Amino acid sequence: MAPHRLQVAVAGLGRMGARHALNILNKTPRAELVAAFSPDQNELKWGKENLEPYGVTLYDDYKKMLEHKGLEAVVIGTATSVHAEETLQAIEKDLHVLCEKPLSTSVQICQNVVDAAAKKPHLKVMCGFSRRFDDSYQDVARKIEEGAIGRPTIVRSQTCDRQHPDPGKYPNPCNHQRPEY
């Protein structure tokens, strides 16, 4: 018997949402992208070209997407201003959630999401601070904890989205010229 594939939807098809959608579609064998939402017609056009041919149902209404039959999880990559609201709505529908950062710019709103998730311990609810899992970041954290590099006063981190599905819309930030000091 084949292993169960988690039925996932992506909210938002901009820079990060499109990346999540393609990763689920092409690189996550234990998950199936079944639905995607965007209020933006250009993003939905991208979805029609890149997702719909693979059986992904597109929605222009987030709440309707949450009603998608068999849906088990949502990846939220919409505008920051609605991350928390959409996360709460997904939790209310008993769905697992991976929400892009930041969850909110308000500590109280973040706490409301944490409280809602705590009431449903069977759900996995996570904010996508994915860099914490990168080897280089873990190495630095370990060195700080061990006192190997002293006490940092400033940390600068730069990452680049080299493989975005639409480089014309989102140019590679690594291609800019560094200022001279």
Protein backbone atom coordinates (compact mmCIF):
# COMPACT_ATOMS: atom_id res chain seq x y z
CA MET A 1 0.00 0.00 0.00
CA ALA A 2 1.33 3.45 -0.91
CA PRO A 3 2.02 5.84 1.97
CA HIS A 4 -0.55 8.53 2.65
CA ARG A 5 0.18 11.82 0.90
CA LEU A 6 -0.72 14.91 2.94
CA GLN A 7 -3.28 17.01 1.05
CA VAL A 8 -1.86 20.56 1.02
CA ALA A 9 -3.03 23.96 -0.19
CA VAL A 10 -0.92 27.08 -0.68
CA ALA A 11 -2.31 30.53 0.13
CA GLY A 12 -0.60 33.24 -1.93
CA LEU A 13 1.25 32.65 -5.20
CA GLY A 14 3.76 35.49 -5.02
CA ARG A 15 7.48 35.00 -4.44
CA MET A 16 7.33 32.58 -1.51
CA GLY A 17 3.92 31.05 -2.22
CA ALA A 18 4.94 30.09 -5.76
CA ARG A 19 8.14 28.57 -4.41
CA HIS A 20 6.22 26.54 -1.81
CA ALA A 21 3.70 25.42 -4.43
CA LEU A 22 6.40 24.17 -6.80
CA ASN A 23 8.33 22.50 -3.99
CA ILE A 24 5.24 20.62 -2.85
CA LEU A 25 4.31 19.74 -6.42
CA ASN A 26 7.76 18.58 -7.52
CA LYS A 27 9.93 17.80 -4.51
CA THR A 28 7.70 16.51 -1.70
CA PRO A 29 6.69 12.91 -2.38
CA ARG A 30 4.67 12.54 0.84
CA ALA A 31 2.50 15.59 0.07
CA GLU A 32 0.12 16.45 -2.73
CA LEU A 33 -0.66 20.03 -3.74
CA VAL A 34 -4.43 19.99 -4.20
CA ALA A 35 -5.36 23.68 -4.04
CA ALA A 36 -3.96 27.19 -4.20
CA PHE A 37 -5.38 30.62 -3.42
CA SER A 38 -4.56 34.15 -4.48
CA PRO A 39 -6.60 37.35 -4.63
CA ASP A 40 -4.22 38.60 -7.35
CA GLN A 41 -5.25 37.90 -10.96
CA ASN A 42 -1.63 37.82 -12.19
CA GLU A 43 -0.75 35.20 -9.58
CA LEU A 44 -3.82 33.17 -10.53
CA LYS A 45 -2.73 33.38 -14.17
CA TRP A 46 0.65 31.96 -13.13
CA GLY A 47 -1.22 29.23 -11.23
CA LYS A 48 -3.32 28.37 -14.29
CA GLU A 49 -0.14 27.90 -16.32
CA ASN A 50 2.01 26.15 -13.71
CA LEU A 51 -0.32 24.39 -11.25
CA GLU A 52 -3.70 23.73 -12.80
CA PRO A 53 -2.30 21.33 -15.44
CA TYR A 54 -1.25 19.08 -12.53
CA GLY A 55 -4.72 18.94 -11.02
CA VAL A 56 -4.37 21.82 -8.56
CA THR A 57 -7.66 23.65 -7.95
CA LEU A 58 -7.27 27.44 -7.91
CA TYR A 59 -9.31 29.76 -5.69
CA ASP A 60 -9.68 33.51 -5.47
CA ASP A 61 -11.39 33.17 -2.06
CA TYR A 62 -9.31 31.90 0.89
CA LYS A 63 -12.31 30.67 2.89
CA LYS A 64 -13.55 28.63 -0.08
CA MET A 65 -10.10 27.08 -0.45
CA LEU A 66 -10.22 26.01 3.21
CA GLU A 67 -13.36 24.02 2.33
CA HIS A 68 -11.52 22.01 -0.35
CA LYS A 69 -12.52 18.36 0.12
CA GLY A 70 -9.83 16.31 1.86
CA LEU A 71 -7.59 19.29 2.65
CA GLU A 72 -5.28 18.59 5.61
CA ALA A 73 -2.71 21.41 5.63
CA VAL A 74 -2.15 24.96 4.45
CA VAL A 75 1.05 26.80 3.62
CA ILE A 76 0.48 30.54 4.02
CA GLY A 77 2.58 32.86 1.88
CA THR A 78 0.20 35.77 1.43
CA ALA A 79 0.71 39.39 2.54
CA THR A 80 2.10 39.79 6.06
CA SER A 81 -1.00 41.74 7.11
CA VAL A 82 -3.18 38.61 6.81
CA HIS A 83 -0.77 35.86 7.97
CA ALA A 84 -2.22 35.60 11.48
CA GLU A 85 -5.85 35.90 10.39
CA GLU A 86 -5.43 33.18 7.78
CA THR A 87 -3.53 30.98 10.23
CA LEU A 88 -6.35 31.29 12.77
CA GLN A 89 -8.93 30.43 10.12
CA ALA A 90 -6.96 27.32 9.11
CA ILE A 91 -6.56 26.22 12.74
CA GLU A 92 -10.30 26.70 13.21
CA LYS A 93 -10.85 24.33 10.25
CA ASP A 94 -8.57 21.76 11.95
CA LEU A 95 -5.76 22.11 9.40
CA HIS A 96 -2.00 21.91 9.92
CA VAL A 97 -0.31 25.24 9.10
CA LEU A 98 3.07 26.41 7.89
CA CYS A 99 2.97 30.21 7.85
CA GLU A 100 5.67 32.37 6.33
CA LYS A 101 7.31 34.90 8.60
CA PRO A 102 6.43 37.18 10.14
CA LEU A 103 3.30 35.78 11.69
CA SER A 104 2.37 39.34 12.67
CA THR A 105 4.01 42.59 13.67
CA SER A 106 1.98 42.51 16.90
CA VAL A 107 3.11 40.41 19.85
CA GLN A 108 -0.49 40.14 21.07
CA ILE A 109 -1.74 38.86 17.72
CA CYS A 110 1.10 36.32 17.63
CA GLN A 111 0.13 35.22 21.12
CA ASN A 112 -3.48 34.77 19.97
CA VAL A 113 -2.26 32.37 17.28
CA VAL A 114 -0.07 30.48 19.77
CA ASP A 115 -3.05 30.18 22.13
CA ALA A 116 -5.32 28.91 19.34
CA ALA A 117 -2.72 26.33 18.28
CA ALA A 118 -2.27 25.19 21.90
CA LYS A 119 -5.98 24.36 22.06
CA LYS A 120 -5.47 21.88 19.20
CA PRO A 121 -2.31 19.95 20.09
CA HIS A 122 -2.98 17.36 17.38
CA LEU A 123 -2.19 20.05 14.77
CA LYS A 124 1.26 21.06 13.61
CA VAL A 125 1.37 24.88 13.45
CA MET A 126 4.69 26.49 12.55
CA CYS A 127 5.99 29.85 11.47
CA GLY A 128 8.53 29.41 8.68
CA PHE A 129 11.80 30.55 10.21
CA SER A 130 13.45 27.91 8.06
CA ARG A 131 17.00 29.26 8.28
CA ARG A 132 17.22 27.85 11.80
CA PHE A 133 17.63 24.44 10.13
CA ASP A 134 20.47 25.45 7.80
CA ASP A 135 23.80 23.88 8.68
CA SER A 136 25.62 27.22 8.60
CA TYR A 137 23.15 28.84 11.02
CA GLN A 138 23.26 25.85 13.36
CA ASP A 139 27.06 25.96 13.27
CA VAL A 140 27.10 29.64 14.28
CA ALA A 141 24.54 29.03 17.04
CA ARG A 142 26.65 26.17 18.38
CA LYS A 143 29.80 28.34 18.32
CA ILE A 144 27.99 31.13 20.18
CA GLU A 145 26.67 28.70 22.81
CA GLU A 146 30.15 27.22 23.27
CA GLY A 147 31.70 30.68 23.58
CA ALA A 148 33.99 29.89 20.63
CA ILE A 149 33.44 33.23 18.90
CA GLY A 150 32.71 35.53 21.80
CA ARG A 151 29.54 37.50 22.33
CA PRO A 152 28.12 38.79 19.05
CA THR A 153 26.98 42.40 19.01
CA ILE A 154 25.83 42.56 15.40
CA VAL A 155 24.73 39.75 13.12
CA ARG A 156 24.27 40.24 9.39
CA SER A 157 22.74 37.50 7.30
CA GLN A 158 22.01 37.60 3.61
CA THR A 159 20.25 34.96 1.57
CA CYS A 160 19.28 34.95 -2.07
CA ASP A 161 16.37 33.46 -3.97
CA ARG A 162 18.29 32.15 -6.95
CA GLN A 163 15.67 29.74 -8.23
CA HIS A 164 12.41 31.65 -8.21
CA PRO A 165 9.97 30.32 -10.81
CA ASP A 166 9.51 33.77 -12.37
CA PRO A 167 12.86 35.61 -12.38
CA GLY A 168 11.39 38.42 -14.49
CA LYS A 169 8.90 39.28 -11.76
CA TYR A 170 11.32 38.72 -8.88
CA PRO A 171 14.90 39.42 -9.99
CA ASN A 172 17.73 37.71 -8.15
CA PRO A 173 18.70 39.96 -5.21
CA CYS A 174 22.24 38.59 -5.40
CA ASN A 175 22.80 40.35 -8.73
CA HIS A 176 22.87 43.82 -7.21
CA GLN A 177 26.11 45.71 -6.73
CA ARG A 178 27.40 45.92 -3.17
CA PRO A 179 28.04 49.45 -1.96
CA GLU A 180 31.67 50.44 -1.46
CA TYR A 181 32.61 51.43 2.08
